[in-house]
Amino acid sequence: MSTTLSEAERARRQRLVLDGRTASALGITTQALGPLRAGTIKTLTTMIHAAMDEHGVDDPIAVLPEILARLQEIAIGEARTAAKVAAREEVQRLLRKAMT
């Protein structure tokens, strides 16, 4: 006997899987992801409103390119920092291995 999942149930399950992957990638539990996400949303909303005020516009679409550029810069900076840490740890591991 097979049951067909409704589109809503399929979407809910897909969100749960994606949230699990996101939480795992961040090194936190899925329960901790909700508050973290809420804080991020609050921060981004504040950033959007500040950019809108700075440019004197009422439409967030008008500042979207600037916001996306900032987010990209932040992501690149974080990725570089993580890569440096990983490289440093790998070099230290190889040096320890060479010393033994």
PDB file of N, CA and C in Angstrom:
ATOM      1  N   MET A   1       0.848  -1.160   0.000  1.00  0.00           N
ATOM      2  CA  MET A   1       0.000   0.000   0.000  1.00  0.00           C
ATOM      3  C   MET A   1       0.907   1.242   0.000  1.00  0.00           C
ATOM      4  N   SER A   2       0.745   2.071  -0.985  1.00  0.00           N
ATOM      5  CA  SER A   2       1.568   3.268  -1.066  1.00  0.00           C
ATOM      6  C   SER A   2       0.688   4.494  -0.845  1.00  0.00           C
ATOM      7  N   THR A   3       1.279   5.464  -0.193  1.00  0.00           N
ATOM      8  CA  THR A   3       0.555   6.716   0.032  1.00  0.00           C
ATOM      9  C   THR A   3       1.278   7.812  -0.723  1.00  0.00           C
ATOM     10  N   THR A   4       0.501   8.667  -1.262  1.00  0.00           N
ATOM     11  CA  THR A   4       1.059   9.777  -2.009  1.00  0.00           C
ATOM     12  C   THR A   4       1.166  10.978  -1.080  1.00  0.00           C
ATOM     13  N   LEU A   5       2.335  11.588  -1.085  1.00  0.00           N
ATOM     14  CA  LEU A   5       2.533  12.766  -0.249  1.00  0.00           C
ATOM     15  C   LEU A   5       1.938  13.990  -0.938  1.00  0.00           C
ATOM     16  N   SER A   6       1.302  14.821  -0.156  1.00  0.00           N
ATOM     17  CA  SER A   6       0.786  16.072  -0.709  1.00  0.00           C
ATOM     18  C   SER A   6       1.974  16.988  -1.001  1.00  0.00           C
ATOM     19  N   GLU A   7       1.747  17.961  -1.825  1.00  0.00           N
ATOM     20  CA  GLU A   7       2.822  18.916  -2.145  1.00  0.00           C
ATOM     21  C   GLU A   7       3.278  19.659  -0.897  1.00  0.00           C
ATOM     22  N   ALA A   8       2.333  19.976  -0.021  1.00  0.00           N
ATOM     23  CA  ALA A   8       2.687  20.680   1.208  1.00  0.00           C
ATOM     24  C   ALA A   8       3.587  19.812   2.091  1.00  0.00           C
ATOM     25  N   GLU A   9       3.251  18.531   2.221  1.00  0.00           N
ATOM     26  CA  GLU A   9       4.056  17.621   3.038  1.00  0.00           C
ATOM     27  C   GLU A   9       5.428  17.407   2.408  1.00  0.00           C
ATOM     28  N   ARG A  10       5.466  17.304   1.100  1.00  0.00           N
ATOM     29  CA  ARG A  10       6.745  17.142   0.410  1.00  0.00           C
ATOM     30  C   ARG A  10       7.636  18.368   0.639  1.00  0.00           C
ATOM     31  N   ALA A  11       7.047  19.559   0.541  1.00  0.00           N
ATOM     32  CA  ALA A  11       7.803  20.795   0.757  1.00  0.00           C
ATOM     33  C   ALA A  11       8.287  20.886   2.205  1.00  0.00           C
ATOM     34  N   ARG A  12       7.440  20.481   3.172  1.00  0.00           N
ATOM     35  CA  ARG A  12       7.812  20.513   4.576  1.00  0.00           C
ATOM     36  C   ARG A  12       8.994  19.586   4.843  1.00  0.00           C
ATOM     37  N   ARG A  13       8.934  18.392   4.286  1.00  0.00           N
ATOM     38  CA  ARG A  13      10.037  17.439   4.468  1.00  0.00           C
ATOM     39  C   ARG A  13      11.326  17.941   3.821  1.00  0.00           C
ATOM     40  N   GLN A  14      11.195  18.562   2.668  1.00  0.00           N
ATOM     41  CA  GLN A  14      12.377  19.101   1.989  1.00  0.00           C
ATOM     42  C   GLN A  14      13.003  20.216   2.838  1.00  0.00           C
ATOM     43  N   ARG A  15      12.160  21.085   3.431  1.00  0.00           N
ATOM     44  CA  ARG A  15      12.681  22.132   4.316  1.00  0.00           C
ATOM     45  C   ARG A  15      13.387  21.543   5.523  1.00  0.00           C
ATOM     46  N   LEU A  16      12.834  20.476   6.086  1.00  0.00           N
ATOM     47  CA  LEU A  16      13.472  19.830   7.235  1.00  0.00           C
ATOM     48  C   LEU A  16      14.845  19.273   6.868  1.00  0.00           C
ATOM     49  N   VAL A  17      14.949  18.647   5.713  1.00  0.00           N
ATOM     50  CA  VAL A  17      16.229  18.107   5.250  1.00  0.00           C
ATOM     51  C   VAL A  17      17.229  19.241   5.038  1.00  0.00           C
ATOM     52  N   LEU A  18      16.784  20.315   4.379  1.00  0.00           N
ATOM     53  CA  LEU A  18      17.680  21.446   4.133  1.00  0.00           C
ATOM     54  C   LEU A  18      18.105  22.109   5.438  1.00  0.00           C
ATOM     55  N   ASP A  19      17.166  22.237   6.379  1.00  0.00           N
ATOM     56  CA  ASP A  19      17.526  22.816   7.678  1.00  0.00           C
ATOM     57  C   ASP A  19      18.536  21.930   8.401  1.00  0.00           C
ATOM     58  N   GLY A  20      18.371  20.616   8.302  1.00  0.00           N
ATOM     59  CA  GLY A  20      19.327  19.705   8.914  1.00  0.00           C
ATOM     60  C   GLY A  20      20.709  19.851   8.314  1.00  0.00           C
ATOM     61  N   ARG A  21      20.770  19.969   7.010  1.00  0.00           N
ATOM     62  CA  ARG A  21      22.068  20.150   6.346  1.00  0.00           C
ATOM     63  C   ARG A  21      22.703  21.481   6.730  1.00  0.00           C
ATOM     64  N   THR A  22      21.883  22.526   6.769  1.00  0.00           N
ATOM     65  CA  THR A  22      22.393  23.850   7.139  1.00  0.00           C
ATOM     66  C   THR A  22      22.930  23.838   8.562  1.00  0.00           C
ATOM     67  N   ALA A  23      22.160  23.270   9.473  1.00  0.00           N
ATOM     68  CA  ALA A  23      22.591  23.198  10.874  1.00  0.00           C
ATOM     69  C   ALA A  23      23.884  22.403  10.993  1.00  0.00           C
ATOM     70  N   SER A  24      23.958  21.290  10.286  1.00  0.00           N
ATOM     71  CA  SER A  24      25.162  20.464  10.315  1.00  0.00           C
ATOM     72  C   SER A  24      26.369  21.238   9.792  1.00  0.00           C
ATOM     73  N   ALA A  25      26.183  21.962   8.701  1.00  0.00           N
ATOM     74  CA  ALA A  25      27.284  22.743   8.126  1.00  0.00           C
ATOM     75  C   ALA A  25      27.744  23.841   9.078  1.00  0.00           C
ATOM     76  N   LEU A  26      26.803  24.378   9.873  1.00  0.00           N
ATOM     77  CA  LEU A  26      27.151  25.425  10.827  1.00  0.00           C
ATOM     78  C   LEU A  26      27.657  24.852  12.152  1.00  0.00           C
ATOM     79  N   GLY A  27      27.551  23.540  12.301  1.00  0.00           N
ATOM     80  CA  GLY A  27      28.014  22.902  13.530  1.00  0.00           C
ATOM     81  C   GLY A  27      27.080  23.122  14.705  1.00  0.00           C
ATOM     82  N   ILE A  28      25.786  23.264  14.430  1.00  0.00           N
ATOM     83  CA  ILE A  28      24.805  23.471  15.491  1.00  0.00           C
ATOM     84  C   ILE A  28      23.668  22.471  15.316  1.00  0.00           C
ATOM     85  N   THR A  29      22.783  22.424  16.295  1.00  0.00           N
ATOM     86  CA  THR A  29      21.621  21.544  16.191  1.00  0.00           C
ATOM     87  C   THR A  29      20.525  22.229  15.382  1.00  0.00           C
ATOM     88  N   THR A  30      19.579  21.431  14.915  1.00  0.00           N
ATOM     89  CA  THR A  30      18.459  22.018  14.177  1.00  0.00           C
ATOM     90  C   THR A  30      17.611  22.898  15.099  1.00  0.00           C
ATOM     91  N   GLN A  31      17.598  22.589  16.406  1.00  0.00           N
ATOM     92  CA  GLN A  31      16.858  23.420  17.357  1.00  0.00           C
ATOM     93  C   GLN A  31      17.515  24.791  17.514  1.00  0.00           C
ATOM     94  N   ALA A  32      18.825  24.846  17.416  1.00  0.00           N
ATOM     95  CA  ALA A  32      19.543  26.119  17.551  1.00  0.00           C
ATOM     96  C   ALA A  32      19.481  26.933  16.266  1.00  0.00           C
ATOM     97  N   LEU A  33      19.140  26.287  15.165  1.00  0.00           N
ATOM     98  CA  LEU A  33      19.094  26.986  13.879  1.00  0.00           C
ATOM     99  C   LEU A  33      17.987  28.035  13.851  1.00  0.00           C
ATOM    100  N   GLY A  34      16.838  27.740  14.441  1.00  0.00           N
ATOM    101  CA  GLY A  34      15.710  28.681  14.427  1.00  0.00           C
ATOM    102  C   GLY A  34      16.055  30.033  15.025  1.00  0.00           C
ATOM    103  N   PRO A  35      16.546  30.072  16.262  1.00  0.00           N
ATOM    104  CA  PRO A  35      16.919  31.363  16.855  1.00  0.00           C
ATOM    105  C   PRO A  35      18.056  32.062  16.098  1.00  0.00           C
ATOM    106  N   LEU A  36      19.002  31.286  15.603  1.00  0.00           N
ATOM    107  CA  LEU A  36      20.092  31.874  14.821  1.00  0.00           C
ATOM    108  C   LEU A  36      19.546  32.526  13.557  1.00  0.00           C
ATOM    109  N   ARG A  37      18.644  31.825  12.887  1.00  0.00           N
ATOM    110  CA  ARG A  37      18.038  32.354  11.665  1.00  0.00           C
ATOM    111  C   ARG A  37      17.219  33.612  11.968  1.00  0.00           C
ATOM    112  N   ALA A  38      16.491  33.593  13.084  1.00  0.00           N
ATOM    113  CA  ALA A  38      15.689  34.765  13.462  1.00  0.00           C
ATOM    114  C   ALA A  38      16.587  35.975  13.713  1.00  0.00           C
ATOM    115  N   GLY A  39      17.722  35.756  14.374  1.00  0.00           N
ATOM    116  CA  GLY A  39      18.674  36.844  14.599  1.00  0.00           C
ATOM    117  C   GLY A  39      19.263  37.368  13.305  1.00  0.00           C
ATOM    118  N   THR A  40      19.556  36.458  12.389  1.00  0.00           N
ATOM    119  CA  THR A  40      20.093  36.862  11.090  1.00  0.00           C
ATOM    120  C   THR A  40      19.071  37.682  10.325  1.00  0.00           C
ATOM    121  N   ILE A  41      17.821  37.257  10.355  1.00  0.00           N
ATOM    122  CA  ILE A  41      16.759  37.998   9.668  1.00  0.00           C
ATOM    123  C   ILE A  41      16.634  39.402  10.253  1.00  0.00           C
ATOM    124  N   LYS A  42      16.709  39.500  11.583  1.00  0.00           N
ATOM    125  CA  LYS A  42      16.619  40.818  12.224  1.00  0.00           C
ATOM    126  C   LYS A  42      17.783  41.705  11.797  1.00  0.00           C
ATOM    127  N   THR A  43      18.979  41.131  11.776  1.00  0.00           N
ATOM    128  CA  THR A  43      20.168  41.892  11.366  1.00  0.00           C
ATOM    129  C   THR A  43      20.046  42.371   9.919  1.00  0.00           C
ATOM    130  N   LEU A  44      19.621  41.468   9.037  1.00  0.00           N
ATOM    131  CA  LEU A  44      19.485  41.842   7.625  1.00  0.00           C
ATOM    132  C   LEU A  44      18.395  42.890   7.424  1.00  0.00           C
ATOM    133  N   THR A  45      17.308  42.763   8.162  1.00  0.00           N
ATOM    134  CA  THR A  45      16.235  43.756   8.058  1.00  0.00           C
ATOM    135  C   THR A  45      16.735  45.126   8.486  1.00  0.00           C
ATOM    136  N   THR A  46      17.502  45.162   9.568  1.00  0.00           N
ATOM    137  CA  THR A  46      18.076  46.425  10.030  1.00  0.00           C
ATOM    138  C   THR A  46      19.022  46.998   8.984  1.00  0.00           C
ATOM    139  N   MET A  47      19.840  46.132   8.377  1.00  0.00           N
ATOM    140  CA  MET A  47      20.775  46.582   7.344  1.00  0.00           C
ATOM    141  C   MET A  47      20.032  47.141   6.134  1.00  0.00           C
ATOM    142  N   ILE A  48      18.956  46.478   5.729  1.00  0.00           N
ATOM    143  CA  ILE A  48      18.178  46.945   4.583  1.00  0.00           C
ATOM    144  C   ILE A  48      17.551  48.305   4.885  1.00  0.00           C
ATOM    145  N   HIS A  49      16.967  48.449   6.070  1.00  0.00           N
ATOM    146  CA  HIS A  49      16.351  49.727   6.413  1.00  0.00           C
ATOM    147  C   HIS A  49      17.391  50.842   6.510  1.00  0.00           C
ATOM    148  N   ALA A  50      18.565  50.530   7.034  1.00  0.00           N
ATOM    149  CA  ALA A  50      19.632  51.536   7.115  1.00  0.00           C
ATOM    150  C   ALA A  50      20.073  51.973   5.720  1.00  0.00           C
ATOM    151  N   ALA A  51      20.213  51.014   4.813  1.00  0.00           N
ATOM    152  CA  ALA A  51      20.604  51.358   3.441  1.00  0.00           C
ATOM    153  C   ALA A  51      19.517  52.175   2.758  1.00  0.00           C
ATOM    154  N   MET A  52      18.268  51.833   3.014  1.00  0.00           N
ATOM    155  CA  MET A  52      17.161  52.602   2.428  1.00  0.00           C
ATOM    156  C   MET A  52      17.165  54.032   2.961  1.00  0.00           C
ATOM    157  N   ASP A  53      17.386  54.185   4.271  1.00  0.00           N
ATOM    158  CA  ASP A  53      17.444  55.526   4.861  1.00  0.00           C
ATOM    159  C   ASP A  53      18.625  56.313   4.310  1.00  0.00           C
ATOM    160  N   GLU A  54      19.756  55.638   4.178  1.00  0.00           N
ATOM    161  CA  GLU A  54      20.973  56.295   3.677  1.00  0.00           C
ATOM    162  C   GLU A  54      20.775  56.836   2.265  1.00  0.00           C
ATOM    163  N   HIS A  55      20.052  56.082   1.434  1.00  0.00           N
ATOM    164  CA  HIS A  55      19.846  56.493   0.047  1.00  0.00           C
ATOM    165  C   HIS A  55      18.539  57.252  -0.153  1.00  0.00           C
ATOM    166  N   GLY A  56      17.752  57.379   0.898  1.00  0.00           N
ATOM    167  CA  GLY A  56      16.511  58.125   0.821  1.00  0.00           C
ATOM    168  C   GLY A  56      15.475  57.490  -0.099  1.00  0.00           C
ATOM    169  N   VAL A  57      15.367  56.174  -0.059  1.00  0.00           N
ATOM    170  CA  VAL A  57      14.400  55.472  -0.898  1.00  0.00           C
ATOM    171  C   VAL A  57      13.446  54.674  -0.019  1.00  0.00           C
ATOM    172  N   ASP A  58      12.276  54.393  -0.579  1.00  0.00           N
ATOM    173  CA  ASP A  58      11.273  53.616   0.146  1.00  0.00           C
ATOM    174  C   ASP A  58      11.202  52.174  -0.330  1.00  0.00           C
ATOM    175  N   ASP A  59      11.823  51.902  -1.463  1.00  0.00           N
ATOM    176  CA  ASP A  59      11.753  50.568  -2.051  1.00  0.00           C
ATOM    177  C   ASP A  59      13.052  49.816  -1.783  1.00  0.00           C
ATOM    178  N   PRO A  60      12.979  48.669  -1.102  1.00  0.00           N
ATOM    179  CA  PRO A  60      14.208  47.919  -0.820  1.00  0.00           C
ATOM    180  C   PRO A  60      14.906  47.413  -2.083  1.00  0.00           C
ATOM    181  N   ILE A  61      14.180  47.289  -3.167  1.00  0.00           N
ATOM    182  CA  ILE A  61      14.795  46.843  -4.422  1.00  0.00           C
ATOM    183  C   ILE A  61      15.848  47.844  -4.888  1.00  0.00           C
ATOM    184  N   ALA A  62      15.669  49.105  -4.548  1.00  0.00           N
ATOM    185  CA  ALA A  62      16.618  50.136  -4.974  1.00  0.00           C
ATOM    186  C   ALA A  62      17.998  49.944  -4.340  1.00  0.00           C
ATOM    187  N   VAL A  63      18.055  49.327  -3.172  1.00  0.00           N
ATOM    188  CA  VAL A  63      19.339  49.124  -2.501  1.00  0.00           C
ATOM    189  C   VAL A  63      19.802  47.669  -2.568  1.00  0.00           C
ATOM    190  N   LEU A  64      19.048  46.835  -3.264  1.00  0.00           N
ATOM    191  CA  LEU A  64      19.388  45.420  -3.344  1.00  0.00           C
ATOM    192  C   LEU A  64      20.787  45.156  -3.913  1.00  0.00           C
ATOM    193  N   PRO A  65      21.200  45.817  -4.999  1.00  0.00           N
ATOM    194  CA  PRO A  65      22.563  45.556  -5.503  1.00  0.00           C
ATOM    195  C   PRO A  65      23.653  45.847  -4.470  1.00  0.00           C
ATOM    196  N   GLU A  66      23.502  46.925  -3.718  1.00  0.00           N
ATOM    197  CA  GLU A  66      24.493  47.256  -2.688  1.00  0.00           C
ATOM    198  C   GLU A  66      24.493  46.200  -1.579  1.00  0.00           C
ATOM    199  N   ILE A  67      23.319  45.767  -1.176  1.00  0.00           N
ATOM    200  CA  ILE A  67      23.215  44.759  -0.124  1.00  0.00           C
ATOM    201  C   ILE A  67      23.829  43.445  -0.577  1.00  0.00           C
ATOM    202  N   LEU A  68      23.538  43.039  -1.808  1.00  0.00           N
ATOM    203  CA  LEU A  68      24.102  41.793  -2.322  1.00  0.00           C
ATOM    204  C   LEU A  68      25.617  41.880  -2.446  1.00  0.00           C
ATOM    205  N   ALA A  69      26.116  43.038  -2.841  1.00  0.00           N
ATOM    206  CA  ALA A  69      27.571  43.213  -2.926  1.00  0.00           C
ATOM    207  C   ALA A  69      28.210  43.091  -1.541  1.00  0.00           C
ATOM    208  N   ARG A  70      27.578  43.696  -0.525  1.00  0.00           N
ATOM    209  CA  ARG A  70      28.101  43.584   0.841  1.00  0.00           C
ATOM    210  C   ARG A  70      28.096  42.136   1.313  1.00  0.00           C
ATOM    211  N   LEU A  71      26.998  41.439   1.061  1.00  0.00           N
ATOM    212  CA  LEU A  71      26.914  40.039   1.475  1.00  0.00           C
ATOM    213  C   LEU A  71      27.970  39.185   0.781  1.00  0.00           C
ATOM    214  N   GLN A  72      28.195  39.465  -0.496  1.00  0.00           N
ATOM    215  CA  GLN A  72      29.212  38.716  -1.222  1.00  0.00           C
ATOM    216  C   GLN A  72      30.601  38.991  -0.636  1.00  0.00           C
ATOM    217  N   GLU A  73      30.883  40.243  -0.326  1.00  0.00           N
ATOM    218  CA  GLU A  73      32.172  40.590   0.267  1.00  0.00           C
ATOM    219  C   GLU A  73      32.361  39.886   1.611  1.00  0.00           C
ATOM    220  N   ILE A  74      31.302  39.860   2.412  1.00  0.00           N
ATOM    221  CA  ILE A  74      31.372  39.193   3.713  1.00  0.00           C
ATOM    222  C   ILE A  74      31.614  37.698   3.524  1.00  0.00           C
ATOM    223  N   ALA A  75      30.883  37.093   2.588  1.00  0.00           N
ATOM    224  CA  ALA A  75      31.028  35.651   2.339  1.00  0.00           C
ATOM    225  C   ALA A  75      32.440  35.317   1.861  1.00  0.00           C
ATOM    226  N   ILE A  76      32.975  36.136   0.972  1.00  0.00           N
ATOM    227  CA  ILE A  76      34.331  35.905   0.472  1.00  0.00           C
ATOM    228  C   ILE A  76      35.343  36.040   1.614  1.00  0.00           C
ATOM    229  N   GLY A  77      35.169  37.050   2.443  1.00  0.00           N
ATOM    230  CA  GLY A  77      36.071  37.238   3.587  1.00  0.00           C
ATOM    231  C   GLY A  77      36.028  36.064   4.546  1.00  0.00           C
ATOM    232  N   GLU A  78      34.817  35.586   4.839  1.00  0.00           N
ATOM    233  CA  GLU A  78      34.678  34.434   5.733  1.00  0.00           C
ATOM    234  C   GLU A  78      35.290  33.175   5.118  1.00  0.00           C
ATOM    235  N   ALA A  79      35.076  32.992   3.824  1.00  0.00           N
ATOM    236  CA  ALA A  79      35.643  31.818   3.155  1.00  0.00           C
ATOM    237  C   ALA A  79      37.170  31.870   3.173  1.00  0.00           C
ATOM    238  N   ARG A  80      37.737  33.046   2.953  1.00  0.00           N
ATOM    239  CA  ARG A  80      39.196  33.179   2.989  1.00  0.00           C
ATOM    240  C   ARG A  80      39.737  32.903   4.385  1.00  0.00           C
ATOM    241  N   THR A  81      39.052  33.412   5.391  1.00  0.00           N
ATOM    242  CA  THR A  81      39.472  33.168   6.774  1.00  0.00           C
ATOM    243  C   THR A  81      39.433  31.679   7.089  1.00  0.00           C
ATOM    244  N   ALA A  82      38.352  31.027   6.689  1.00  0.00           N
ATOM    245  CA  ALA A  82      38.226  29.585   6.935  1.00  0.00           C
ATOM    246  C   ALA A  82      39.300  28.810   6.180  1.00  0.00           C
ATOM    247  N   ALA A  83      39.603  29.224   4.961  1.00  0.00           N
ATOM    248  CA  ALA A  83      40.632  28.541   4.175  1.00  0.00           C
ATOM    249  C   ALA A  83      42.009  28.709   4.816  1.00  0.00           C
ATOM    250  N   LYS A  84      42.291  29.893   5.348  1.00  0.00           N
ATOM    251  CA  LYS A  84      43.573  30.121   6.014  1.00  0.00           C
ATOM    252  C   LYS A  84      43.703  29.246   7.256  1.00  0.00           C
ATOM    253  N   VAL A  85      42.636  29.169   8.027  1.00  0.00           N
ATOM    254  CA  VAL A  85      42.652  28.334   9.238  1.00  0.00           C
ATOM    255  C   VAL A  85      42.873  26.877   8.854  1.00  0.00           C
ATOM    256  N   ALA A  86      42.144  26.408   7.831  1.00  0.00           N
ATOM    257  CA  ALA A  86      42.284  25.014   7.402  1.00  0.00           C
ATOM    258  C   ALA A  86      43.694  24.745   6.890  1.00  0.00           C
ATOM    259  N   ALA A  87      44.254  25.688   6.134  1.00  0.00           N
ATOM    260  CA  ALA A  87      45.610  25.517   5.608  1.00  0.00           C
ATOM    261  C   ALA A  87      46.630  25.489   6.746  1.00  0.00           C
ATOM    262  N   ARG A  88      46.456  26.369   7.715  1.00  0.00           N
ATOM    263  CA  ARG A  88      47.369  26.414   8.861  1.00  0.00           C
ATOM    264  C   ARG A  88      47.317  25.091   9.633  1.00  0.00           C
ATOM    265  N   GLU A  89      46.112  24.588   9.855  1.00  0.00           N
ATOM    266  CA  GLU A  89      45.975  23.317  10.561  1.00  0.00           C
ATOM    267  C   GLU A  89      46.598  22.168   9.778  1.00  0.00           C
ATOM    268  N   GLU A  90      46.433  22.188   8.468  1.00  0.00           N
ATOM    269  CA  GLU A  90      47.016  21.129   7.633  1.00  0.00           C
ATOM    270  C   GLU A  90      48.538  21.187   7.660  1.00  0.00           C
ATOM    271  N   VAL A  91      49.109  22.376   7.580  1.00  0.00           N
ATOM    272  CA  VAL A  91      50.563  22.520   7.639  1.00  0.00           C
ATOM    273  C   VAL A  91      51.079  22.043   8.995  1.00  0.00           C
ATOM    274  N   GLN A  92      50.391  22.423  10.065  1.00  0.00           N
ATOM    275  CA  GLN A  92      50.808  21.982  11.398  1.00  0.00           C
ATOM    276  C   GLN A  92      50.723  20.459  11.521  1.00  0.00           C
ATOM    277  N   ARG A  93      49.681  19.874  10.968  1.00  0.00           N
ATOM    278  CA  ARG A  93      49.535  18.420  11.005  1.00  0.00           C
ATOM    279  C   ARG A  93      50.673  17.754  10.248  1.00  0.00           C
ATOM    280  N   LEU A  94      51.001  18.282   9.069  1.00  0.00           N
ATOM    281  CA  LEU A  94      52.085  17.707   8.272  1.00  0.00           C
ATOM    282  C   LEU A  94      53.436  17.872   8.961  1.00  0.00           C
ATOM    283  N   LEU A  95      53.650  19.010   9.604  1.00  0.00           N
ATOM    284  CA  LEU A  95      54.912  19.221  10.331  1.00  0.00           C
ATOM    285  C   LEU A  95      55.033  18.267  11.508  1.00  0.00           C
ATOM    286  N   ARG A  96      53.930  18.067  12.240  1.00  0.00           N
ATOM    287  CA  ARG A  96      53.961  17.109  13.346  1.00  0.00           C
ATOM    288  C   ARG A  96      54.264  15.707  12.836  1.00  0.00           C
ATOM    289  N   LYS A  97      53.658  15.364  11.718  1.00  0.00           N
ATOM    290  CA  LYS A  97      53.869  14.044  11.125  1.00  0.00           C
ATOM    291  C   LYS A  97      55.320  13.894  10.686  1.00  0.00           C
ATOM    292  N   ALA A  98      55.910  14.964  10.103  1.00  0.00           N
ATOM    293  CA  ALA A  98      57.291  14.911   9.641  1.00  0.00           C
ATOM    294  C   ALA A  98      58.264  14.825  10.813  1.00  0.00           C
ATOM    295  N   MET A  99      57.883  15.380  11.943  1.00  0.00           N
ATOM    296  CA  MET A  99      58.765  15.390  13.123  1.00  0.00           C
ATOM    297  C   MET A  99      58.759  14.052  13.843  1.00  0.00           C
ATOM    298  N   THR A 100      57.789  13.204  13.601  1.00  0.00           N
ATOM    299  CA  THR A 100      57.740  11.932  14.321  1.00  0.00           C
ATOM    300  C   THR A 100      58.323  10.799  13.508  1.00  0.00           C
TER     301      THR A 100
END
